Amino acid sequence: MAGVDFAWGPAEISGNAVRDLAALCKMEMLPWDEWGRMTDAYQGKTGPDYDQLIDEVADVCAKDDPLALTSLFAREVLAVPHSMVG
């Protein structure tokens, strides 16, 4: 997308992984919605701990385990804030 330099690369992939987790937990968000540490990721302010969390998100999303999905999504860092739910 022209003029949107941050919408590419690892931060976009990690943001999509978190949005995928939300969707699998029946909370579909818009492609531009950000919460938790997504903004920090887009600004290059996350490190290996966030990468590890995103790896966990990807692993859980790839499995057919609803309990693991809801348990992971319940973590404050990944849950959609109530202010974003309409």
C-alpha atoms as a PDB file:
ATOM      1  CA  MET A   1       0.000   0.000   0.000  1.00  0.00           C
ATOM      2  CA  ALA A   2       1.544   3.296  -1.048  1.00  0.00           C
ATOM      3  CA  GLY A   3       2.257   5.685   1.813  1.00  0.00           C
ATOM      4  CA  VAL A   4       1.896   3.046   4.518  1.00  0.00           C
ATOM      5  CA  ASP A   5       5.448   1.906   5.162  1.00  0.00           C
ATOM      6  CA  PHE A   6       4.592   0.000   8.350  1.00  0.00           C
ATOM      7  CA  ALA A   7       2.053  -2.292   6.657  1.00  0.00           C
ATOM      8  CA  TRP A   8       4.685  -4.783   5.524  1.00  0.00           C
ATOM      9  CA  GLY A   9       7.132  -7.232   6.998  1.00  0.00           C
ATOM     10  CA  PRO A  10       7.309  -9.096  10.293  1.00  0.00           C
ATOM     11  CA  ALA A  11       5.088  -6.663  12.210  1.00  0.00           C
ATOM     12  CA  GLU A  12       2.272  -7.109   9.692  1.00  0.00           C
ATOM     13  CA  ILE A  13       2.645 -10.876   9.900  1.00  0.00           C
ATOM     14  CA  SER A  14       2.520 -10.842  13.698  1.00  0.00           C
ATOM     15  CA  GLY A  15      -0.478  -8.486  13.656  1.00  0.00           C
ATOM     16  CA  ASN A  16      -2.296 -10.809  11.286  1.00  0.00           C
ATOM     17  CA  ALA A  17      -1.509 -13.777  13.541  1.00  0.00           C
ATOM     18  CA  VAL A  18      -3.106 -11.992  16.506  1.00  0.00           C
ATOM     19  CA  ARG A  19      -6.134 -11.015  14.388  1.00  0.00           C
ATOM     20  CA  ASP A  20      -6.387 -14.653  13.221  1.00  0.00           C
ATOM     21  CA  LEU A  21      -6.436 -15.800  16.841  1.00  0.00           C
ATOM     22  CA  ALA A  22      -9.216 -13.316  17.572  1.00  0.00           C
ATOM     23  CA  ALA A  23     -11.214 -14.537  14.563  1.00  0.00           C
ATOM     24  CA  LEU A  24     -10.821 -18.167  15.601  1.00  0.00           C
ATOM     25  CA  CYS A  25     -12.236 -17.107  18.979  1.00  0.00           C
ATOM     26  CA  LYS A  26     -15.298 -15.614  17.223  1.00  0.00           C
ATOM     27  CA  MET A  27     -14.100 -12.011  17.447  1.00  0.00           C
ATOM     28  CA  GLU A  28     -13.442 -10.878  13.894  1.00  0.00           C
ATOM     29  CA  MET A  29     -11.585  -7.604  13.681  1.00  0.00           C
ATOM     30  CA  LEU A  30     -10.829  -5.238  10.825  1.00  0.00           C
ATOM     31  CA  PRO A  31      -7.453  -5.534   9.066  1.00  0.00           C
ATOM     32  CA  TRP A  32      -6.314  -2.196  10.505  1.00  0.00           C
ATOM     33  CA  ASP A  33      -7.391  -2.832  14.109  1.00  0.00           C
ATOM     34  CA  GLU A  34      -4.515  -2.796  16.588  1.00  0.00           C
ATOM     35  CA  TRP A  35      -4.412  -3.671  20.271  1.00  0.00           C
ATOM     36  CA  GLY A  36      -2.001  -5.028  22.818  1.00  0.00           C
ATOM     37  CA  ARG A  37       1.582  -4.891  21.614  1.00  0.00           C
ATOM     38  CA  MET A  38       0.727  -4.624  17.910  1.00  0.00           C
ATOM     39  CA  THR A  39       1.485  -0.903  17.822  1.00  0.00           C
ATOM     40  CA  ASP A  40       4.856  -1.510  19.459  1.00  0.00           C
ATOM     41  CA  ALA A  41       5.588  -4.206  16.863  1.00  0.00           C
ATOM     42  CA  TYR A  42       4.768  -1.825  13.999  1.00  0.00           C
ATOM     43  CA  GLN A  43       7.126   0.732  15.562  1.00  0.00           C
ATOM     44  CA  GLY A  44       9.935  -1.813  15.962  1.00  0.00           C
ATOM     45  CA  LYS A  45       9.682  -1.736  19.766  1.00  0.00           C
ATOM     46  CA  THR A  46       9.263  -5.460  20.419  1.00  0.00           C
ATOM     47  CA  GLY A  47      11.899  -8.100  20.834  1.00  0.00           C
ATOM     48  CA  PRO A  48      12.427 -11.835  21.095  1.00  0.00           C
ATOM     49  CA  ASP A  49       9.785 -12.247  23.813  1.00  0.00           C
ATOM     50  CA  TYR A  50       7.082 -10.951  21.466  1.00  0.00           C
ATOM     51  CA  ASP A  51       8.400 -13.090  18.617  1.00  0.00           C
ATOM     52  CA  GLN A  52       8.113 -16.119  20.905  1.00  0.00           C
ATOM     53  CA  LEU A  53       4.538 -15.171  21.798  1.00  0.00           C
ATOM     54  CA  ILE A  54       3.647 -14.861  18.104  1.00  0.00           C
ATOM     55  CA  ASP A  55       5.199 -18.283  17.449  1.00  0.00           C
ATOM     56  CA  GLU A  56       2.920 -19.648  20.179  1.00  0.00           C
ATOM     57  CA  VAL A  57      -0.077 -17.901  18.602  1.00  0.00           C
ATOM     58  CA  ALA A  58       0.746 -19.413  15.197  1.00  0.00           C
ATOM     59  CA  ASP A  59       1.193 -22.869  16.707  1.00  0.00           C
ATOM     60  CA  VAL A  60      -2.112 -22.767  18.586  1.00  0.00           C
ATOM     61  CA  CYS A  61      -3.978 -21.354  15.568  1.00  0.00           C
ATOM     62  CA  ALA A  62      -2.718 -24.247  13.445  1.00  0.00           C
ATOM     63  CA  LYS A  63      -4.154 -26.883  15.799  1.00  0.00           C
ATOM     64  CA  ASP A  64      -7.728 -28.004  16.302  1.00  0.00           C
ATOM     65  CA  ASP A  65      -7.841 -27.264  20.031  1.00  0.00           C
ATOM     66  CA  PRO A  66     -10.591 -24.818  21.053  1.00  0.00           C
ATOM     67  CA  LEU A  67      -9.514 -24.867  24.706  1.00  0.00           C
ATOM     68  CA  ALA A  68      -5.952 -23.872  23.789  1.00  0.00           C
ATOM     69  CA  LEU A  69      -7.308 -21.085  21.540  1.00  0.00           C
ATOM     70  CA  THR A  70      -9.553 -19.571  24.201  1.00  0.00           C
ATOM     71  CA  SER A  71      -6.901 -19.976  26.901  1.00  0.00           C
ATOM     72  CA  LEU A  72      -4.300 -18.141  24.817  1.00  0.00           C
ATOM     73  CA  PHE A  73      -6.784 -15.468  23.712  1.00  0.00           C
ATOM     74  CA  ALA A  74      -7.676 -14.813  27.363  1.00  0.00           C
ATOM     75  CA  ARG A  75      -4.187 -13.456  28.016  1.00  0.00           C
ATOM     76  CA  GLU A  76      -4.355  -9.710  28.522  1.00  0.00           C
ATOM     77  CA  VAL A  77      -1.651  -9.063  25.924  1.00  0.00           C
ATOM     78  CA  LEU A  78      -3.723 -10.813  23.205  1.00  0.00           C
ATOM     79  CA  ALA A  79      -7.345 -10.186  24.194  1.00  0.00           C
ATOM     80  CA  VAL A  80      -9.326  -7.553  22.306  1.00  0.00           C
ATOM     81  CA  PRO A  81     -10.003  -4.639  24.659  1.00  0.00           C
ATOM     82  CA  HIS A  82     -13.632  -4.113  25.626  1.00  0.00           C
ATOM     83  CA  SER A  83     -13.447  -0.611  24.123  1.00  0.00           C
ATOM     84  CA  MET A  84     -13.005  -2.170  20.659  1.00  0.00           C
ATOM     85  CA  VAL A  85     -15.985  -4.483  20.920  1.00  0.00           C
ATOM     86  CA  GLY A  86     -19.192  -2.967  19.663  1.00  0.00           C
END
